[in-house]
């Protein structure tokens, strides 16, 4: 976590050992080895989650991810934040 001027900005980055596989009409997040068993195999990512995961190749804050989602999907900030929050909650 980075602290600046009295407030904190939490930064996240994806784990490199999780892979995204093309499942035809879905992006499937696959965990390696024993983690795959713990996660019941693969998890389907919607377009927003796939976009957020791609952004997390580099360390970013939730706000930076939200801005990118707003720009990518041409939605208002509140909608972008509402779309990003569940992904952050699940992966943080």
N, C-alpha and C. Protein backbone atom coordinates (compact mmCIF):
# COMPACT_ATOMS: atom_id res chain seq x y z
N UNK A 1 0.84 -1.16 0.00
CA UNK A 1 0.00 0.00 0.00
C UNK A 1 0.89 1.24 0.00
N UNK A 2 0.51 2.23 -0.77
CA UNK A 2 1.26 3.48 -0.86
C UNK A 2 0.46 4.55 -0.13
N UNK A 3 1.10 5.31 0.74
CA UNK A 3 0.42 6.38 1.48
C UNK A 3 0.94 7.72 0.98
N UNK A 4 0.01 8.59 0.59
CA UNK A 4 0.37 9.92 0.09
C UNK A 4 -0.56 10.95 0.70
N UNK A 5 -0.02 12.02 1.22
CA UNK A 5 -0.79 13.17 1.71
C UNK A 5 -1.96 12.78 2.61
N UNK A 6 -1.75 11.85 3.51
CA UNK A 6 -2.78 11.52 4.48
C UNK A 6 -3.84 10.55 4.02
N UNK A 7 -3.75 10.04 2.80
CA UNK A 7 -4.70 9.02 2.36
C UNK A 7 -3.93 7.86 1.75
N UNK A 8 -4.56 6.71 1.69
CA UNK A 8 -3.86 5.54 1.17
C UNK A 8 -4.40 5.14 -0.20
N UNK A 9 -3.52 4.63 -1.02
CA UNK A 9 -3.88 4.14 -2.34
C UNK A 9 -3.37 2.71 -2.42
N UNK A 10 -4.28 1.77 -2.37
CA UNK A 10 -3.90 0.38 -2.43
C UNK A 10 -3.64 0.01 -3.89
N UNK A 11 -2.50 -0.62 -4.12
CA UNK A 11 -2.16 -1.05 -5.48
C UNK A 11 -2.16 -2.56 -5.54
N UNK A 12 -2.59 -3.09 -6.66
CA UNK A 12 -2.71 -4.52 -6.86
C UNK A 12 -1.96 -4.93 -8.11
N UNK A 13 -1.63 -6.19 -8.18
CA UNK A 13 -1.01 -6.77 -9.36
C UNK A 13 -1.42 -8.24 -9.41
N UNK A 14 -1.69 -8.76 -10.60
CA UNK A 14 -2.13 -10.15 -10.70
C UNK A 14 -0.99 -11.12 -10.44
N UNK A 15 -1.37 -12.32 -10.03
CA UNK A 15 -0.38 -13.38 -9.83
C UNK A 15 -0.03 -13.95 -11.21
N UNK A 16 1.25 -14.07 -11.50
CA UNK A 16 1.65 -14.49 -12.84
C UNK A 16 1.35 -15.95 -13.16
N UNK A 17 1.12 -16.78 -12.14
CA UNK A 17 0.92 -18.20 -12.41
C UNK A 17 -0.52 -18.54 -12.80
N UNK A 18 -1.46 -17.61 -12.70
CA UNK A 18 -2.82 -17.84 -13.17
C UNK A 18 -2.87 -17.51 -14.66
N UNK A 19 -3.47 -18.38 -15.44
CA UNK A 19 -3.49 -18.22 -16.89
C UNK A 19 -4.93 -18.01 -17.37
N UNK A 20 -5.09 -17.25 -18.44
CA UNK A 20 -6.40 -17.10 -19.07
C UNK A 20 -6.40 -17.96 -20.31
N UNK A 21 -7.44 -18.79 -20.42
CA UNK A 21 -7.58 -19.67 -21.57
C UNK A 21 -8.83 -19.26 -22.34
N UNK A 22 -8.78 -19.34 -23.64
CA UNK A 22 -9.92 -19.03 -24.49
C UNK A 22 -10.87 -20.21 -24.46
N UNK A 23 -12.06 -19.99 -23.93
CA UNK A 23 -13.06 -21.05 -23.86
C UNK A 23 -14.14 -20.86 -24.89
N UNK A 24 -13.78 -20.37 -26.06
CA UNK A 24 -14.77 -20.11 -27.10
C UNK A 24 -15.40 -18.75 -26.87
N UNK A 25 -16.57 -18.74 -26.23
CA UNK A 25 -17.26 -17.48 -25.97
C UNK A 25 -16.90 -16.89 -24.61
N UNK A 26 -16.00 -17.57 -23.85
CA UNK A 26 -15.63 -17.10 -22.52
C UNK A 26 -14.12 -17.03 -22.36
N UNK A 27 -13.69 -16.16 -21.46
CA UNK A 27 -12.30 -16.16 -20.99
C UNK A 27 -12.29 -16.96 -19.71
N UNK A 28 -11.48 -18.00 -19.65
CA UNK A 28 -11.43 -18.86 -18.47
C UNK A 28 -10.14 -18.63 -17.72
N UNK A 29 -10.24 -18.32 -16.43
CA UNK A 29 -9.09 -18.14 -15.58
C UNK A 29 -8.76 -19.49 -14.96
N UNK A 30 -7.57 -19.98 -15.23
CA UNK A 30 -7.15 -21.29 -14.75
C UNK A 30 -6.03 -21.14 -13.73
N UNK A 31 -6.23 -21.78 -12.59
CA UNK A 31 -5.21 -21.78 -11.54
C UNK A 31 -4.30 -22.98 -11.74
N UNK A 32 -3.02 -22.83 -11.41
CA UNK A 32 -2.10 -23.95 -11.59
C UNK A 32 -2.23 -25.01 -10.50
N UNK A 33 -2.03 -26.25 -10.87
CA UNK A 33 -1.90 -27.37 -9.94
C UNK A 33 -2.92 -27.45 -8.84
N UNK A 34 -2.43 -27.49 -7.60
CA UNK A 34 -3.29 -27.66 -6.43
C UNK A 34 -4.28 -26.50 -6.28
N UNK A 35 -3.91 -25.31 -6.72
CA UNK A 35 -4.82 -24.17 -6.62
C UNK A 35 -6.05 -24.39 -7.49
N UNK A 36 -5.88 -25.08 -8.62
CA UNK A 36 -7.02 -25.35 -9.49
C UNK A 36 -8.04 -26.21 -8.77
N UNK A 37 -7.59 -27.20 -8.01
CA UNK A 37 -8.48 -28.04 -7.24
C UNK A 37 -9.22 -27.21 -6.19
N UNK A 38 -8.50 -26.34 -5.50
CA UNK A 38 -9.11 -25.49 -4.47
C UNK A 38 -10.15 -24.53 -5.05
N UNK A 39 -9.97 -24.10 -6.29
CA UNK A 39 -10.89 -23.17 -6.92
C UNK A 39 -11.94 -23.87 -7.78
N UNK A 40 -12.05 -25.19 -7.66
CA UNK A 40 -13.00 -25.97 -8.46
C UNK A 40 -12.78 -25.79 -9.96
N UNK A 41 -11.54 -25.84 -10.36
CA UNK A 41 -11.23 -25.79 -11.79
C UNK A 41 -11.01 -24.40 -12.31
N UNK A 42 -11.84 -23.99 -13.25
CA UNK A 42 -11.65 -22.71 -13.92
C UNK A 42 -12.80 -21.76 -13.61
N UNK A 43 -12.51 -20.48 -13.71
CA UNK A 43 -13.51 -19.45 -13.46
C UNK A 43 -13.69 -18.65 -14.74
N UNK A 44 -14.94 -18.43 -15.15
CA UNK A 44 -15.23 -17.64 -16.33
C UNK A 44 -15.15 -16.16 -15.97
N UNK A 45 -14.48 -15.39 -16.81
CA UNK A 45 -14.36 -13.94 -16.62
C UNK A 45 -15.26 -13.23 -17.63
N UNK A 46 -16.08 -12.28 -17.14
CA UNK A 46 -16.83 -11.47 -18.09
C UNK A 46 -15.88 -10.45 -18.71
N UNK A 47 -16.37 -9.65 -19.64
CA UNK A 47 -15.50 -8.70 -20.35
C UNK A 47 -14.84 -7.70 -19.41
N UNK A 48 -15.57 -7.24 -18.40
CA UNK A 48 -15.01 -6.28 -17.46
C UNK A 48 -13.89 -6.91 -16.65
N UNK A 49 -14.12 -8.13 -16.14
CA UNK A 49 -13.10 -8.82 -15.35
C UNK A 49 -11.87 -9.13 -16.20
N UNK A 50 -12.08 -9.54 -17.45
CA UNK A 50 -10.96 -9.82 -18.34
C UNK A 50 -10.15 -8.55 -18.60
N UNK A 51 -10.84 -7.43 -18.76
CA UNK A 51 -10.15 -6.14 -18.96
C UNK A 51 -9.35 -5.78 -17.71
N UNK A 52 -9.97 -5.89 -16.54
CA UNK A 52 -9.28 -5.56 -15.29
C UNK A 52 -8.08 -6.47 -15.08
N UNK A 53 -8.23 -7.75 -15.37
CA UNK A 53 -7.11 -8.68 -15.20
C UNK A 53 -5.96 -8.29 -16.12
N UNK A 54 -6.27 -7.92 -17.35
CA UNK A 54 -5.23 -7.49 -18.28
C UNK A 54 -4.49 -6.26 -17.77
N UNK A 55 -5.22 -5.34 -17.16
CA UNK A 55 -4.61 -4.13 -16.62
C UNK A 55 -3.68 -4.45 -15.45
N UNK A 56 -3.96 -5.54 -14.75
CA UNK A 56 -3.16 -5.89 -13.58
C UNK A 56 -1.85 -6.60 -13.92
N UNK A 57 -1.48 -6.61 -15.20
CA UNK A 57 -0.14 -7.08 -15.55
C UNK A 57 0.88 -6.15 -14.91
N UNK A 58 0.48 -4.90 -14.71
CA UNK A 58 1.29 -3.90 -14.00
C UNK A 58 0.56 -3.54 -12.72
N UNK A 59 1.29 -3.11 -11.71
CA UNK A 59 0.67 -2.72 -10.46
C UNK A 59 -0.18 -1.47 -10.68
N UNK A 60 -1.45 -1.53 -10.24
CA UNK A 60 -2.38 -0.41 -10.42
C UNK A 60 -3.30 -0.29 -9.22
N UNK A 61 -3.84 0.90 -9.04
CA UNK A 61 -4.83 1.12 -7.98
C UNK A 61 -6.21 0.78 -8.54
N UNK A 62 -7.16 0.59 -7.62
CA UNK A 62 -8.54 0.34 -8.04
C UNK A 62 -9.06 1.52 -8.86
N UNK A 63 -8.69 2.75 -8.47
CA UNK A 63 -9.13 3.92 -9.21
C UNK A 63 -8.59 3.92 -10.64
N UNK A 64 -7.34 3.51 -10.83
CA UNK A 64 -6.75 3.45 -12.17
C UNK A 64 -7.47 2.40 -13.03
N UNK A 65 -7.82 1.28 -12.41
CA UNK A 65 -8.56 0.24 -13.13
C UNK A 65 -9.93 0.77 -13.51
N UNK A 66 -10.59 1.46 -12.59
CA UNK A 66 -11.92 2.02 -12.86
C UNK A 66 -11.88 3.00 -14.02
N UNK A 67 -10.89 3.89 -14.04
CA UNK A 67 -10.76 4.86 -15.13
C UNK A 67 -10.59 4.14 -16.46
N UNK A 68 -9.77 3.11 -16.49
CA UNK A 68 -9.55 2.36 -17.73
C UNK A 68 -10.81 1.65 -18.19
N UNK A 69 -11.58 1.09 -17.25
CA UNK A 69 -12.83 0.41 -17.60
C UNK A 69 -13.85 1.42 -18.13
N UNK A 70 -13.93 2.59 -17.49
CA UNK A 70 -14.83 3.65 -17.95
C UNK A 70 -14.50 4.04 -19.39
N UNK A 71 -13.21 4.20 -19.68
CA UNK A 71 -12.80 4.57 -21.04
C UNK A 71 -13.04 3.44 -22.03
N UNK A 72 -12.72 2.22 -21.64
CA UNK A 72 -12.84 1.06 -22.55
C UNK A 72 -14.29 0.77 -22.92
N UNK A 73 -15.20 0.85 -21.93
CA UNK A 73 -16.59 0.47 -22.15
C UNK A 73 -17.52 1.67 -22.29
N UNK A 74 -16.97 2.89 -22.25
CA UNK A 74 -17.73 4.12 -22.43
C UNK A 74 -18.94 4.17 -21.50
N UNK A 75 -18.67 4.06 -20.20
CA UNK A 75 -19.71 4.15 -19.17
C UNK A 75 -19.34 5.27 -18.19
N UNK A 76 -20.31 5.67 -17.38
CA UNK A 76 -20.04 6.70 -16.37
C UNK A 76 -19.23 6.08 -15.23
N UNK A 77 -18.56 6.92 -14.47
CA UNK A 77 -17.65 6.45 -13.43
C UNK A 77 -18.33 5.54 -12.41
N UNK A 78 -19.56 5.86 -12.03
CA UNK A 78 -20.27 5.04 -11.03
C UNK A 78 -20.50 3.62 -11.54
N UNK A 79 -20.81 3.50 -12.81
CA UNK A 79 -21.02 2.17 -13.41
C UNK A 79 -19.69 1.43 -13.48
N UNK A 80 -18.64 2.11 -13.90
CA UNK A 80 -17.32 1.49 -13.95
C UNK A 80 -16.87 0.99 -12.59
N UNK A 81 -17.08 1.82 -11.57
CA UNK A 81 -16.70 1.45 -10.20
C UNK A 81 -17.51 0.24 -9.74
N UNK A 82 -18.81 0.23 -10.05
CA UNK A 82 -19.67 -0.89 -9.66
C UNK A 82 -19.26 -2.19 -10.36
N UNK A 83 -18.74 -2.08 -11.56
CA UNK A 83 -18.28 -3.25 -12.30
C UNK A 83 -16.93 -3.76 -11.79
N UNK A 84 -16.06 -2.86 -11.40
CA UNK A 84 -14.72 -3.22 -10.95
C UNK A 84 -14.73 -3.78 -9.53
N UNK A 85 -15.60 -3.24 -8.67
CA UNK A 85 -15.58 -3.61 -7.25
C UNK A 85 -15.72 -5.11 -7.01
N UNK A 86 -16.67 -5.80 -7.63
CA UNK A 86 -16.77 -7.26 -7.38
C UNK A 86 -15.51 -8.02 -7.78
N UNK A 87 -14.88 -7.60 -8.89
CA UNK A 87 -13.64 -8.27 -9.31
C UNK A 87 -12.55 -8.06 -8.28
N UNK A 88 -12.44 -6.82 -7.79
CA UNK A 88 -11.42 -6.51 -6.77
C UNK A 88 -11.70 -7.30 -5.49
N UNK A 89 -12.97 -7.35 -5.09
CA UNK A 89 -13.34 -8.09 -3.88
C UNK A 89 -12.98 -9.58 -3.99
N UNK A 90 -13.20 -10.15 -5.16
CA UNK A 90 -12.94 -11.57 -5.36
C UNK A 90 -11.45 -11.90 -5.47
N UNK A 91 -10.67 -10.96 -6.00
CA UNK A 91 -9.27 -11.27 -6.28
C UNK A 91 -8.29 -10.67 -5.28
N UNK A 92 -8.75 -9.77 -4.44
CA UNK A 92 -7.85 -9.12 -3.47
C UNK A 92 -7.53 -10.03 -2.31
